[in-house]
Each structure stands twice: as structure tokens, then as C-alpha cells.
């Protein structure tokens, strides 16, 4: 997620969703809100990922055990328990269990078994593939001769059932929890190393409405915001009347007004005000917001006007019709 996407995600989760509590957090500190939002999303993702990995391991234990026992049983059924088989290396058994990954060798084995022992193996390769767990075994024991394959299969089945059951029990009772904690620790470290601050980007805020810059923290000299808000959200008001400034700060009216701080003896046109205090916000965008955006801003203001007017010592002169027109957009 780049900084533009991350910033707009924060907007969509607060202003876009008309989530009043999230909007309060955004207005207080957009970067801190984004950090909290990122961590919440990342923690949710991490837990889902950890549980998914653990389920895969759970299934691996079960599937490996089932495949081994099924393969041994199929191999066992090929032989006569009363007969001895000379020159039958254990490597053939390993090859049978790995047939899916090396089908051409499986076909060679099938021909060999038919010619040498008059044993008819099925033409289709087994559906399982145990080559990864058997490759070392084949290197160590592949040359061993198994004269009594039925006895061998019965013995190894009994041993495998016991050992694999013990392994699975240990996994469930002990190792699963340890692995879960290690995965969590790894993902926490990854979260830090991936430096989500790079996604949070520039911490500068629009000097009029406090909407956060969506560019990376790369030393740029001109800030950028796609979603501007009402200046009243951050306490901008008329110097004479103390009425809140209830326009989106990119509107023509904002450019036609004069701006300043209480300490200023003269208020300035917008461009001169920004040149004096916030040159990195020039040129400032000039565009009429959509009706939908205006409706959202007014609905939010209607819900927050009491606390914001009190916080910034503004006198509320909001058009009463906003209540009926926009108040219902945000449920109580």
C-alpha cells in the first residue's frame, strides 16, 4: 500500500464511512489515526495468516500420515505373503510412494515389476507424492533388499502409526503453541522492519482543514491532498463574528476570502496567506467539491458542531435546515 492509498484508506474509514469516533481521531492527529488503523488492520491480517499456516501444518500431519499408510497398504497388496522376493531393493518401494512426481520412473518400475515378479501395478501413478520426505531415506536405505515385503509393510505400518501419532500429539499439545508464538513474533518484527511509517508518509496537514498530505515523507517541497475538509473542523472562523468557516477549503469562496490568525493586524488573500505561513502548500487547489462530498462534510459538522464550537470558541450559526437535510446521514 503506497502513501496515497494509505491516506485515502484512512479517509474512507473515517469521513468516507461517516464514522464519528474515527473522524474525531483523524481530526485530532491524522498520522496517529493512520498508525492505529494500520496496526489494527495488520494485527487482524497477522492473526488470519498465523491461523492459516497452523491449519496447513495440521493438515500436513494428517495428509502425510494418511498418504503413507495408504501407499504402504497398496504396495503390500501387490505381494504374496508366502513368497520371497530376491533382488527387490527398498528403493522400489520409495519410488512407488514418489510416483506422482517422477511418473516416467514409475512407469519403468511398473514394467520391471511385471517382468521380474509377474506383479501388475496400476498404470496410473498414485495420487500422493511423498518424494520430499523420502529422498534422504532412499539415499540411506534404497539399496537394502526386502525379501518379505508383506512382513516389512506390516512392521513399518505399525511403527509409523505409533511414531506419527506421537508426533501429532506433540505438535497439538506443545509445538503448535510454540510455533504460533514464533510466527506472531516474526510478523511483529516484519511489521517494524517494513517501516509502516513509509506508508504513513508526510505528516504535514492542510493549514486550512487539517487533511493530511498523501505524499511520501521524501523531502518534497509541495504538499498534496485529494480530500479537503471544512476549515471549521480545525477552528477557522470569521474574525469579527466568530462564526465557523463552513466551506470546503478548495471552493472559489475560500479563494475569495481573506485569511489570517488573531495576531495578524491584516488578513490576506488565500495565496498571500499561504505564501507567508505555508509556502509548501502553494499552488493551492481550486475546485468545486462534489455534492456528495459537501453533503458528507455538512452531516459531519452537524454532529460535531457542539463540541467543536466549544473547543475552538466559535459561535454556532449553522443553517438549521442542515439538520433535516444532512442530520439523518449519520445514525445516532
C-alpha atoms as a PDB file:
ATOM      1  CA  UNK A   1       0.000   0.000   0.000  1.00  0.00           C
ATOM      2  CA  UNK A   2       1.564   3.341  -1.046  1.00  0.00           C
ATOM      3  CA  UNK A   3       1.153   6.570   0.905  1.00  0.00           C
ATOM      4  CA  UNK A   4      -1.590   7.865  -1.410  1.00  0.00           C
ATOM      5  CA  UNK A   5      -3.605   4.671  -0.974  1.00  0.00           C
ATOM      6  CA  UNK A   6      -2.943   4.558   2.780  1.00  0.00           C
ATOM      7  CA  UNK A   7      -4.034   8.169   3.279  1.00  0.00           C
ATOM      8  CA  UNK A   8      -7.192   7.700   1.261  1.00  0.00           C
ATOM      9  CA  UNK A   9      -7.883   4.464   3.148  1.00  0.00           C
ATOM     10  CA  UNK A  10      -7.771   6.458   6.384  1.00  0.00           C
ATOM     11  CA  UNK A  11     -10.167   8.997   4.880  1.00  0.00           C
ATOM     12  CA  UNK A  12     -12.539   6.264   3.677  1.00  0.00           C
ATOM     13  CA  UNK A  13     -12.564   4.585   7.108  1.00  0.00           C
ATOM     14  CA  UNK A  14     -13.396   7.848   8.873  1.00  0.00           C
ATOM     15  CA  UNK A  15     -15.001  10.596   6.789  1.00  0.00           C
ATOM     16  CA  UNK A  16     -15.946   8.288   3.940  1.00  0.00           C
ATOM     17  CA  UNK A  17     -17.693   5.877   6.305  1.00  0.00           C
ATOM     18  CA  UNK A  18     -19.210   8.722   8.372  1.00  0.00           C
ATOM     19  CA  UNK A  19     -17.678   7.083  11.439  1.00  0.00           C
ATOM     20  CA  UNK A  20     -17.877   9.861  14.026  1.00  0.00           C
ATOM     21  CA  UNK A  21     -15.415   8.372  16.518  1.00  0.00           C
ATOM     22  CA  UNK A  22     -12.892   7.694  13.765  1.00  0.00           C
ATOM     23  CA  UNK A  23     -13.389  11.243  12.468  1.00  0.00           C
ATOM     24  CA  UNK A  24     -12.635  12.601  15.936  1.00  0.00           C
ATOM     25  CA  UNK A  25      -9.373  10.626  15.964  1.00  0.00           C
ATOM     26  CA  UNK A  26      -8.484  11.789  12.451  1.00  0.00           C
ATOM     27  CA  UNK A  27      -9.066  15.444  13.308  1.00  0.00           C
ATOM     28  CA  UNK A  28      -7.004  15.102  16.475  1.00  0.00           C
ATOM     29  CA  UNK A  29      -3.994  13.643  14.627  1.00  0.00           C
ATOM     30  CA  UNK A  30      -4.324  12.069  11.159  1.00  0.00           C
ATOM     31  CA  UNK A  31      -0.914  10.383  11.320  1.00  0.00           C
ATOM     32  CA  UNK A  32      -1.611   8.825  14.707  1.00  0.00           C
ATOM     33  CA  UNK A  33      -5.023   7.693  13.472  1.00  0.00           C
ATOM     34  CA  UNK A  34      -3.450   6.136  10.375  1.00  0.00           C
ATOM     35  CA  UNK A  35      -0.861   4.390  12.524  1.00  0.00           C
ATOM     36  CA  UNK A  36      -3.577   2.957  14.766  1.00  0.00           C
ATOM     37  CA  UNK A  37      -5.641   1.938  11.749  1.00  0.00           C
ATOM     38  CA  UNK A  38      -2.633   0.303  10.097  1.00  0.00           C
ATOM     39  CA  UNK A  39      -1.731  -1.626  13.250  1.00  0.00           C
ATOM     40  CA  UNK A  40      -5.309  -2.818  13.715  1.00  0.00           C
ATOM     41  CA  UNK A  41      -5.526  -3.991  10.106  1.00  0.00           C
ATOM     42  CA  UNK A  42      -2.068  -5.563  10.265  1.00  0.00           C
ATOM     43  CA  UNK A  43      -2.840  -7.393  13.512  1.00  0.00           C
ATOM     44  CA  UNK A  44      -6.049  -8.769  12.013  1.00  0.00           C
ATOM     45  CA  UNK A  45      -4.165  -9.860   8.898  1.00  0.00           C
ATOM     46  CA  UNK A  46      -1.407 -11.401  11.041  1.00  0.00           C
ATOM     47  CA  UNK A  47      -3.831 -13.487  13.096  1.00  0.00           C
ATOM     48  CA  UNK A  48      -5.563 -14.743   9.952  1.00  0.00           C
ATOM     49  CA  UNK A  49      -2.188 -15.587   8.396  1.00  0.00           C
ATOM     50  CA  UNK A  50      -0.932 -17.378  11.525  1.00  0.00           C
ATOM     51  CA  UNK A  51      -4.088 -19.481  11.807  1.00  0.00           C
ATOM     52  CA  UNK A  52      -3.900 -20.300   8.101  1.00  0.00           C
ATOM     53  CA  UNK A  53      -0.298 -21.514   8.426  1.00  0.00           C
ATOM     54  CA  UNK A  54      -1.133 -23.584  11.501  1.00  0.00           C
ATOM     55  CA  UNK A  55      -4.080 -25.187   9.702  1.00  0.00           C
ATOM     56  CA  UNK A  56      -1.778 -26.088   6.821  1.00  0.00           C
ATOM     57  CA  UNK A  57       0.593 -27.783   9.267  1.00  0.00           C
ATOM     58  CA  UNK A  58      -2.337 -29.583  10.924  1.00  0.00           C
ATOM     59  CA  UNK A  59      -3.471 -30.821   7.531  1.00  0.00           C
ATOM     60  CA  UNK A  60       0.080 -31.749   6.549  1.00  0.00           C
ATOM     61  CA  UNK A  61       0.378 -34.096   9.528  1.00  0.00           C
ATOM     62  CA  UNK A  62      -2.940 -35.742   8.726  1.00  0.00           C
ATOM     63  CA  UNK A  63      -2.398 -35.958   4.960  1.00  0.00           C
ATOM     64  CA  UNK A  64       1.157 -37.274   5.288  1.00  0.00           C
ATOM     65  CA  UNK A  65       0.073 -39.979   7.713  1.00  0.00           C
ATOM     66  CA  UNK A  66      -2.881 -40.989   5.527  1.00  0.00           C
ATOM     67  CA  UNK A  67      -0.802 -40.989   2.337  1.00  0.00           C
ATOM     68  CA  UNK A  68       1.991 -43.060   3.868  1.00  0.00           C
ATOM     69  CA  UNK A  69      -0.363 -45.664   5.268  1.00  0.00           C
ATOM     70  CA  UNK A  70      -2.375 -45.805   2.055  1.00  0.00           C
ATOM     71  CA  UNK A  71       0.762 -46.155  -0.069  1.00  0.00           C
ATOM     72  CA  UNK A  72       2.207 -48.879   2.150  1.00  0.00           C
ATOM     73  CA  UNK A  73      -1.109 -50.734   2.079  1.00  0.00           C
ATOM     74  CA  UNK A  74      -1.272 -50.566  -1.729  1.00  0.00           C
ATOM     75  CA  UNK A  75       2.326 -51.750  -2.045  1.00  0.00           C
ATOM     76  CA  UNK A  76       1.646 -54.546   0.429  1.00  0.00           C
ATOM     77  CA  UNK A  77      -1.298 -55.832  -1.590  1.00  0.00           C
ATOM     78  CA  UNK A  78       0.912 -56.390  -4.624  1.00  0.00           C
ATOM     79  CA  UNK A  79       2.815 -59.243  -2.995  1.00  0.00           C
ATOM     80  CA  UNK A  80       2.171 -62.798  -1.889  1.00  0.00           C
ATOM     81  CA  UNK A  81       2.868 -63.098   1.855  1.00  0.00           C
ATOM     82  CA  UNK A  82       4.109 -66.678   1.362  1.00  0.00           C
ATOM     83  CA  UNK A  83       6.661 -65.800  -1.282  1.00  0.00           C
ATOM     84  CA  UNK A  84      10.169 -64.394  -1.020  1.00  0.00           C
ATOM     85  CA  UNK A  85      11.413 -61.809  -3.495  1.00  0.00           C
ATOM     86  CA  UNK A  86      15.098 -61.659  -4.237  1.00  0.00           C
ATOM     87  CA  UNK A  87      16.637 -58.563  -5.792  1.00  0.00           C
ATOM     88  CA  UNK A  88      13.774 -56.332  -4.606  1.00  0.00           C
ATOM     89  CA  UNK A  89      15.526 -53.201  -3.342  1.00  0.00           C
ATOM     90  CA  UNK A  90      13.846 -50.852  -0.912  1.00  0.00           C
ATOM     91  CA  UNK A  91      14.357 -48.087  -3.486  1.00  0.00           C
ATOM     92  CA  UNK A  92      11.465 -49.585  -5.487  1.00  0.00           C
ATOM     93  CA  UNK A  93       9.196 -49.073  -2.507  1.00  0.00           C
ATOM     94  CA  UNK A  94      10.337 -45.455  -2.164  1.00  0.00           C
ATOM     95  CA  UNK A  95       9.855 -44.948  -5.891  1.00  0.00           C
ATOM     96  CA  UNK A  96       6.297 -46.247  -5.679  1.00  0.00           C
ATOM     97  CA  UNK A  97       5.473 -43.728  -2.940  1.00  0.00           C
ATOM     98  CA  UNK A  98       7.008 -40.924  -5.024  1.00  0.00           C
ATOM     99  CA  UNK A  99       5.333 -41.899  -8.277  1.00  0.00           C
ATOM    100  CA  UNK A 100       3.382 -38.694  -8.824  1.00  0.00           C
ATOM    101  CA  UNK A 101       6.494 -36.523  -9.001  1.00  0.00           C
ATOM    102  CA  UNK A 102       8.530 -38.898 -11.193  1.00  0.00           C
ATOM    103  CA  UNK A 103       5.941 -40.603 -13.382  1.00  0.00           C
ATOM    104  CA  UNK A 104       8.463 -41.747 -16.002  1.00  0.00           C
ATOM    105  CA  UNK A 105      10.381 -43.724 -13.341  1.00  0.00           C
ATOM    106  CA  UNK A 106       7.112 -45.092 -12.025  1.00  0.00           C
ATOM    107  CA  UNK A 107       6.346 -46.497 -15.473  1.00  0.00           C
ATOM    108  CA  UNK A 108       9.789 -48.105 -15.580  1.00  0.00           C
ATOM    109  CA  UNK A 109       9.134 -49.621 -12.156  1.00  0.00           C
ATOM    110  CA  UNK A 110       5.764 -50.947 -13.320  1.00  0.00           C
ATOM    111  CA  UNK A 111       7.376 -52.693 -16.307  1.00  0.00           C
ATOM    112  CA  UNK A 112      10.168 -54.086 -14.125  1.00  0.00           C
ATOM    113  CA  UNK A 113       7.737 -55.488 -11.536  1.00  0.00           C
ATOM    114  CA  UNK A 114       5.669 -57.169 -14.223  1.00  0.00           C
ATOM    115  CA  UNK A 115       8.634 -58.767 -15.971  1.00  0.00           C
ATOM    116  CA  UNK A 116      10.588 -59.719 -12.860  1.00  0.00           C
ATOM    117  CA  UNK A 117       7.851 -60.789 -10.446  1.00  0.00           C
ATOM    118  CA  UNK A 118       4.725 -61.014 -12.596  1.00  0.00           C
ATOM    119  CA  UNK A 119       3.167 -58.243 -10.496  1.00  0.00           C
ATOM    120  CA  UNK A 120       0.679 -55.951 -12.194  1.00  0.00           C
ATOM    121  CA  UNK A 121       0.873 -52.418 -10.872  1.00  0.00           C
ATOM    122  CA  UNK A 122      -1.817 -49.964 -11.921  1.00  0.00           C
ATOM    123  CA  UNK A 123      -0.889 -47.808 -14.889  1.00  0.00           C
ATOM    124  CA  UNK A 124      -1.926 -44.513 -13.313  1.00  0.00           C
ATOM    125  CA  UNK A 125       0.565 -43.108 -10.855  1.00  0.00           C
ATOM    126  CA  UNK A 126      -0.527 -42.815  -7.203  1.00  0.00           C
ATOM    127  CA  UNK A 127      -2.294 -39.580  -6.299  1.00  0.00           C
ATOM    128  CA  UNK A 128       0.089 -38.842  -3.436  1.00  0.00           C
ATOM    129  CA  UNK A 129       3.674 -37.641  -3.669  1.00  0.00           C
ATOM    130  CA  UNK A 130       5.980 -38.347  -0.739  1.00  0.00           C
ATOM    131  CA  UNK A 131       9.255 -37.720  -2.546  1.00  0.00           C
ATOM    132  CA  UNK A 132      10.270 -34.790  -0.329  1.00  0.00           C
ATOM    133  CA  UNK A 133      10.158 -36.758   2.906  1.00  0.00           C
ATOM    134  CA  UNK A 134      11.623 -39.931   1.359  1.00  0.00           C
ATOM    135  CA  UNK A 135      14.597 -38.560  -0.583  1.00  0.00           C
ATOM    136  CA  UNK A 136      17.027 -38.896   2.329  1.00  0.00           C
ATOM    137  CA  UNK A 137      15.641 -42.316   3.227  1.00  0.00           C
ATOM    138  CA  UNK A 138      16.196 -43.508  -0.313  1.00  0.00           C
ATOM    139  CA  UNK A 139      19.799 -42.310  -0.253  1.00  0.00           C
ATOM    140  CA  UNK A 140      20.460 -44.151   3.005  1.00  0.00           C
ATOM    141  CA  UNK A 141      18.405 -47.324   2.641  1.00  0.00           C
ATOM    142  CA  UNK A 142      17.470 -47.618  -1.024  1.00  0.00           C
ATOM    143  CA  UNK A 143      19.933 -50.452  -1.713  1.00  0.00           C
ATOM    144  CA  UNK A 144      18.566 -52.696   1.055  1.00  0.00           C
ATOM    145  CA  UNK A 145      16.923 -55.879  -0.241  1.00  0.00           C
ATOM    146  CA  UNK A 146      13.429 -56.670   1.050  1.00  0.00           C
ATOM    147  CA  UNK A 147      12.750 -60.365   0.574  1.00  0.00           C
ATOM    148  CA  UNK A 148       9.499 -60.363   2.534  1.00  0.00           C
ATOM    149  CA  UNK A 149       7.736 -57.122   1.514  1.00  0.00           C
ATOM    150  CA  UNK A 150       4.464 -58.089   3.242  1.00  0.00           C
ATOM    151  CA  UNK A 151       6.193 -58.609   6.592  1.00  0.00           C
ATOM    152  CA  UNK A 152       8.131 -55.407   6.026  1.00  0.00           C
ATOM    153  CA  UNK A 153       4.953 -53.430   5.271  1.00  0.00           C
ATOM    154  CA  UNK A 154       3.145 -54.790   8.318  1.00  0.00           C
ATOM    155  CA  UNK A 155       6.067 -53.892  10.551  1.00  0.00           C
ATOM    156  CA  UNK A 156       6.572 -50.412   9.145  1.00  0.00           C
ATOM    157  CA  UNK A 157       2.826 -49.669   9.316  1.00  0.00           C
ATOM    158  CA  UNK A 158       2.759 -50.482  12.993  1.00  0.00           C
ATOM    159  CA  UNK A 159       5.852 -48.381  13.633  1.00  0.00           C
ATOM    160  CA  UNK A 160       4.592 -45.443  11.580  1.00  0.00           C
ATOM    161  CA  UNK A 161       1.194 -45.361  13.234  1.00  0.00           C
ATOM    162  CA  UNK A 162       2.845 -45.182  16.635  1.00  0.00           C
ATOM    163  CA  UNK A 163       5.530 -42.630  15.742  1.00  0.00           C
ATOM    164  CA  UNK A 164       3.297 -40.372  13.630  1.00  0.00           C
ATOM    165  CA  UNK A 165       0.595 -40.397  16.290  1.00  0.00           C
ATOM    166  CA  UNK A 166       3.188 -39.379  18.887  1.00  0.00           C
ATOM    167  CA  UNK A 167       4.473 -36.624  16.598  1.00  0.00           C
ATOM    168  CA  UNK A 168       0.979 -35.319  16.004  1.00  0.00           C
ATOM    169  CA  UNK A 169       0.195 -35.388  19.720  1.00  0.00           C
ATOM    170  CA  UNK A 170       3.387 -33.459  20.483  1.00  0.00           C
ATOM    171  CA  UNK A 171       2.502 -30.950  17.784  1.00  0.00           C
ATOM    172  CA  UNK A 172      -1.010 -30.391  19.109  1.00  0.00           C
ATOM    173  CA  UNK A 173      -0.064 -30.261  22.794  1.00  0.00           C
ATOM    174  CA  UNK A 174       3.217 -28.337  22.631  1.00  0.00           C
ATOM    175  CA  UNK A 175       4.767 -27.419  19.314  1.00  0.00           C
ATOM    176  CA  UNK A 176       1.668 -25.792  17.857  1.00  0.00           C
ATOM    177  CA  UNK A 177       1.588 -23.152  20.583  1.00  0.00           C
ATOM    178  CA  UNK A 178       5.345 -22.533  20.319  1.00  0.00           C
ATOM    179  CA  UNK A 179       5.108 -22.185  16.541  1.00  0.00           C
ATOM    180  CA  UNK A 180       2.164 -19.817  16.892  1.00  0.00           C
ATOM    181  CA  UNK A 181       4.132 -17.532  19.211  1.00  0.00           C
ATOM    182  CA  UNK A 182       7.171 -17.619  16.916  1.00  0.00           C
ATOM    183  CA  UNK A 183       5.053 -16.709  13.908  1.00  0.00           C
ATOM    184  CA  UNK A 184       3.487 -13.828  15.810  1.00  0.00           C
ATOM    185  CA  UNK A 185       6.913 -12.575  16.891  1.00  0.00           C
ATOM    186  CA  UNK A 186       8.179 -12.828  13.320  1.00  0.00           C
ATOM    187  CA  UNK A 187       5.236 -10.841  11.984  1.00  0.00           C
ATOM    188  CA  UNK A 188       5.676  -8.166  14.658  1.00  0.00           C
ATOM    189  CA  UNK A 189       9.322  -7.845  13.633  1.00  0.00           C
ATOM    190  CA  UNK A 190       8.324  -7.766   9.979  1.00  0.00           C
ATOM    191  CA  UNK A 191       5.842  -5.012  10.764  1.00  0.00           C
ATOM    192  CA  UNK A 192       8.647  -2.942  12.285  1.00  0.00           C
ATOM    193  CA  UNK A 193      11.169  -3.739   9.567  1.00  0.00           C
ATOM    194  CA  UNK A 194       8.769  -2.952   6.738  1.00  0.00           C
ATOM    195  CA  UNK A 195       8.545   0.522   8.299  1.00  0.00           C
ATOM    196  CA  UNK A 196       4.900   1.365   8.026  1.00  0.00           C
ATOM    197  CA  UNK A 197       5.961   4.960   8.568  1.00  0.00           C
ATOM    198  CA  UNK A 198       6.874   4.879   4.884  1.00  0.00           C
ATOM    199  CA  UNK A 199       3.216   4.155   4.211  1.00  0.00           C
ATOM    200  CA  UNK A 200       2.046   6.841   6.608  1.00  0.00           C
ATOM    201  CA  UNK A 201       4.088   9.266   4.559  1.00  0.00           C
ATOM    202  CA  UNK A 202       4.342  13.001   5.106  1.00  0.00           C
ATOM    203  CA  UNK A 203       2.804  14.222   8.357  1.00  0.00           C
ATOM    204  CA  UNK A 204       2.004  17.733   7.060  1.00  0.00           C
ATOM    205  CA  UNK A 205      -1.627  18.779   7.281  1.00  0.00           C
ATOM    206  CA  UNK A 206      -3.579  21.235   5.184  1.00  0.00           C
ATOM    207  CA  UNK A 207      -3.266  24.571   7.027  1.00  0.00           C
ATOM    208  CA  UNK A 208      -6.956  25.279   6.466  1.00  0.00           C
ATOM    209  CA  UNK A 209      -8.781  21.990   7.051  1.00  0.00           C
ATOM    210  CA  UNK A 210      -6.112  19.702   8.580  1.00  0.00           C
ATOM    211  CA  UNK A 211      -6.480  16.984   5.939  1.00  0.00           C
ATOM    212  CA  UNK A 212      -3.228  15.019   5.766  1.00  0.00           C
ATOM    213  CA  UNK A 213      -0.713  15.198   2.916  1.00  0.00           C
ATOM    214  CA  UNK A 214      -0.789  11.957   0.942  1.00  0.00           C
ATOM    215  CA  UNK A 215       2.769  12.077  -0.436  1.00  0.00           C
ATOM    216  CA  UNK A 216       5.717  10.022   0.883  1.00  0.00           C
ATOM    217  CA  UNK A 217       7.979  11.522   3.512  1.00  0.00           C
ATOM    218  CA  UNK A 218      10.643  12.129   0.884  1.00  0.00           C
ATOM    219  CA  UNK A 219      11.531  15.777   1.372  1.00  0.00           C
ATOM    220  CA  UNK A 220       9.085  17.076  -1.243  1.00  0.00           C
ATOM    221  CA  UNK A 221       8.555  20.831  -1.313  1.00  0.00           C
ATOM    222  CA  UNK A 222       4.903  20.882  -2.346  1.00  0.00           C
ATOM    223  CA  UNK A 223       2.224  19.016  -0.395  1.00  0.00           C
ATOM    224  CA  UNK A 224      -0.793  17.309  -1.894  1.00  0.00           C
ATOM    225  CA  UNK A 225      -4.263  16.422  -0.598  1.00  0.00           C
ATOM    226  CA  UNK A 226      -7.143  14.879  -2.540  1.00  0.00           C
ATOM    227  CA  UNK A 227      -9.865  15.146   0.103  1.00  0.00           C
ATOM    228  CA  UNK A 228     -10.146  18.592   1.673  1.00  0.00           C
ATOM    229  CA  UNK A 229     -12.485  19.269   4.596  1.00  0.00           C
ATOM    230  CA  UNK A 230     -14.231  22.181   6.302  1.00  0.00           C
ATOM    231  CA  UNK A 231     -11.823  24.690   7.901  1.00  0.00           C
ATOM    232  CA  UNK A 232     -14.251  24.880  10.837  1.00  0.00           C
ATOM    233  CA  UNK A 233     -13.143  21.355  11.805  1.00  0.00           C
ATOM    234  CA  UNK A 234      -9.859  22.895  12.987  1.00  0.00           C
ATOM    235  CA  UNK A 235     -11.283  26.128  14.386  1.00  0.00           C
ATOM    236  CA  UNK A 236     -11.170  28.560  11.455  1.00  0.00           C
ATOM    237  CA  UNK A 237     -13.837  31.213  11.929  1.00  0.00           C
ATOM    238  CA  UNK A 238     -14.723  34.764  10.992  1.00  0.00           C
ATOM    239  CA  UNK A 239     -12.543  37.210  12.921  1.00  0.00           C
ATOM    240  CA  UNK A 240     -15.439  39.565  13.598  1.00  0.00           C
ATOM    241  CA  UNK A 241     -18.410  37.272  14.186  1.00  0.00           C
ATOM    242  CA  UNK A 242     -16.640  34.128  15.458  1.00  0.00           C
ATOM    243  CA  UNK A 243     -18.855  32.140  13.084  1.00  0.00           C
ATOM    244  CA  UNK A 244     -17.264  28.872  11.867  1.00  0.00           C
ATOM    245  CA  UNK A 245     -15.961  28.657   8.297  1.00  0.00           C
ATOM    246  CA  UNK A 246     -18.314  26.129   6.745  1.00  0.00           C
ATOM    247  CA  UNK A 247     -16.967  25.816   3.217  1.00  0.00           C
ATOM    248  CA  UNK A 248     -14.640  23.215   1.751  1.00  0.00           C
ATOM    249  CA  UNK A 249     -11.302  24.975   1.549  1.00  0.00           C
ATOM    250  CA  UNK A 250     -10.839  24.411  -2.192  1.00  0.00           C
ATOM    251  CA  UNK A 251     -14.044  26.229  -3.148  1.00  0.00           C
ATOM    252  CA  UNK A 252     -13.965  29.547  -5.008  1.00  0.00           C
ATOM    253  CA  UNK A 253     -15.325  31.219  -1.897  1.00  0.00           C
ATOM    254  CA  UNK A 254     -12.236  30.131   0.047  1.00  0.00           C
ATOM    255  CA  UNK A 255     -10.001  31.781  -2.540  1.00  0.00           C
ATOM    256  CA  UNK A 256     -12.105  34.935  -2.445  1.00  0.00           C
ATOM    257  CA  UNK A 257     -11.901  35.280   1.341  1.00  0.00           C
ATOM    258  CA  UNK A 258      -9.110  36.738   3.427  1.00  0.00           C
ATOM    259  CA  UNK A 259      -7.251  34.569   5.898  1.00  0.00           C
ATOM    260  CA  UNK A 260      -5.093  35.122   8.936  1.00  0.00           C
ATOM    261  CA  UNK A 261      -4.507  34.493  12.620  1.00  0.00           C
ATOM    262  CA  UNK A 262      -5.675  36.536  15.593  1.00  0.00           C
ATOM    263  CA  UNK A 263      -2.199  38.005  15.993  1.00  0.00           C
ATOM    264  CA  UNK A 264      -2.277  39.378  12.433  1.00  0.00           C
ATOM    265  CA  UNK A 265      -3.231  43.024  12.021  1.00  0.00           C
ATOM    266  CA  UNK A 266      -4.203  42.468   8.400  1.00  0.00           C
ATOM    267  CA  UNK A 267      -5.841  39.427   6.892  1.00  0.00           C
ATOM    268  CA  UNK A 268      -4.588  38.326   3.482  1.00  0.00           C
ATOM    269  CA  UNK A 269      -5.989  36.715   0.336  1.00  0.00           C
ATOM    270  CA  UNK A 270      -5.539  32.963   0.447  1.00  0.00           C
ATOM    271  CA  UNK A 271      -2.462  32.767  -1.785  1.00  0.00           C
ATOM    272  CA  UNK A 272      -0.653  35.517   0.150  1.00  0.00           C
ATOM    273  CA  UNK A 273      -1.636  33.949   3.473  1.00  0.00           C
ATOM    274  CA  UNK A 274      -0.194  30.613   2.369  1.00  0.00           C
ATOM    275  CA  UNK A 275       2.919  32.291   0.941  1.00  0.00           C
ATOM    276  CA  UNK A 276       3.542  33.908   4.306  1.00  0.00           C
ATOM    277  CA  UNK A 277       2.926  30.925   6.569  1.00  0.00           C
ATOM    278  CA  UNK A 278       2.738  27.774   4.441  1.00  0.00           C
ATOM    279  CA  UNK A 279       4.637  28.169   1.143  1.00  0.00           C
ATOM    280  CA  UNK A 280       4.841  24.404   0.683  1.00  0.00           C
ATOM    281  CA  UNK A 281       1.066  24.389   0.099  1.00  0.00           C
ATOM    282  CA  UNK A 282       1.283  26.626  -2.975  1.00  0.00           C
ATOM    283  CA  UNK A 283      -0.240  26.352  -5.502  1.00  0.00           C
ATOM    284  CA  UNK A 284      -3.355  25.570  -3.510  1.00  0.00           C
ATOM    285  CA  UNK A 285      -6.054  23.613  -5.385  1.00  0.00           C
ATOM    286  CA  UNK A 286      -9.146  25.401  -6.577  1.00  0.00           C
ATOM    287  CA  UNK A 287     -12.090  23.162  -7.367  1.00  0.00           C
ATOM    288  CA  UNK A 288     -15.733  22.817  -6.500  1.00  0.00           C
ATOM    289  CA  UNK A 289     -16.341  19.683  -4.403  1.00  0.00           C
ATOM    290  CA  UNK A 290     -18.971  17.173  -5.426  1.00  0.00           C
ATOM    291  CA  UNK A 291     -22.457  17.406  -3.958  1.00  0.00           C
ATOM    292  CA  UNK A 292     -21.836  14.096  -2.188  1.00  0.00           C
ATOM    293  CA  UNK A 293     -18.658  15.390  -0.554  1.00  0.00           C
ATOM    294  CA  UNK A 294     -20.380  18.590   0.562  1.00  0.00           C
ATOM    295  CA  UNK A 295     -23.275  16.578   1.997  1.00  0.00           C
ATOM    296  CA  UNK A 296     -20.863  14.399   3.999  1.00  0.00           C
ATOM    297  CA  UNK A 297     -18.974  17.399   5.353  1.00  0.00           C
ATOM    298  CA  UNK A 298     -22.191  19.095   6.423  1.00  0.00           C
ATOM    299  CA  UNK A 299     -23.558  15.923   8.013  1.00  0.00           C
ATOM    300  CA  UNK A 300     -20.342  15.512   9.990  1.00  0.00           C
ATOM    301  CA  UNK A 301     -20.365  19.160  11.028  1.00  0.00           C
ATOM    302  CA  UNK A 302     -23.958  18.849  12.194  1.00  0.00           C
ATOM    303  CA  UNK A 303     -22.952  16.002  14.513  1.00  0.00           C
ATOM    304  CA  UNK A 304     -19.749  17.621  15.798  1.00  0.00           C
ATOM    305  CA  UNK A 305     -20.616  21.313  15.804  1.00  0.00           C
ATOM    306  CA  UNK A 306     -21.393  21.465  19.516  1.00  0.00           C
ATOM    307  CA  UNK A 307     -18.075  20.053  20.697  1.00  0.00           C
ATOM    308  CA  UNK A 308     -16.028  21.832  18.016  1.00  0.00           C
ATOM    309  CA  UNK A 309     -17.579  25.227  18.697  1.00  0.00           C
ATOM    310  CA  UNK A 310     -16.863  24.747  22.390  1.00  0.00           C
ATOM    311  CA  UNK A 311     -13.284  23.614  21.767  1.00  0.00           C
ATOM    312  CA  UNK A 312     -12.391  26.493  19.440  1.00  0.00           C
ATOM    313  CA  UNK A 313     -14.624  29.203  20.964  1.00  0.00           C
ATOM    314  CA  UNK A 314     -16.757  29.565  17.847  1.00  0.00           C
ATOM    315  CA  UNK A 315     -20.332  30.826  17.749  1.00  0.00           C
ATOM    316  CA  UNK A 316     -22.601  28.344  16.032  1.00  0.00           C
ATOM    317  CA  UNK A 317     -24.626  29.916  13.235  1.00  0.00           C
ATOM    318  CA  UNK A 318     -25.241  26.729  11.268  1.00  0.00           C
ATOM    319  CA  UNK A 319     -28.211  26.856   8.924  1.00  0.00           C
ATOM    320  CA  UNK A 320     -30.975  24.989  10.823  1.00  0.00           C
ATOM    321  CA  UNK A 321     -32.055  23.296   7.594  1.00  0.00           C
ATOM    322  CA  UNK A 322     -28.821  21.282   7.665  1.00  0.00           C
ATOM    323  CA  UNK A 323     -30.345  19.198  10.435  1.00  0.00           C
ATOM    324  CA  UNK A 324     -33.216  17.932   8.297  1.00  0.00           C
ATOM    325  CA  UNK A 325     -31.143  17.750   5.116  1.00  0.00           C
ATOM    326  CA  UNK A 326     -27.988  16.073   6.426  1.00  0.00           C
ATOM    327  CA  UNK A 327     -28.538  15.013  10.028  1.00  0.00           C
ATOM    328  CA  UNK A 328     -30.015  11.635   9.127  1.00  0.00           C
ATOM    329  CA  UNK A 329     -26.946  10.656   7.067  1.00  0.00           C
ATOM    330  CA  UNK A 330     -25.185   9.661  10.288  1.00  0.00           C
ATOM    331  CA  UNK A 331     -27.141   7.346  12.596  1.00  0.00           C
ATOM    332  CA  UNK A 332     -27.195   8.195  16.279  1.00  0.00           C
END
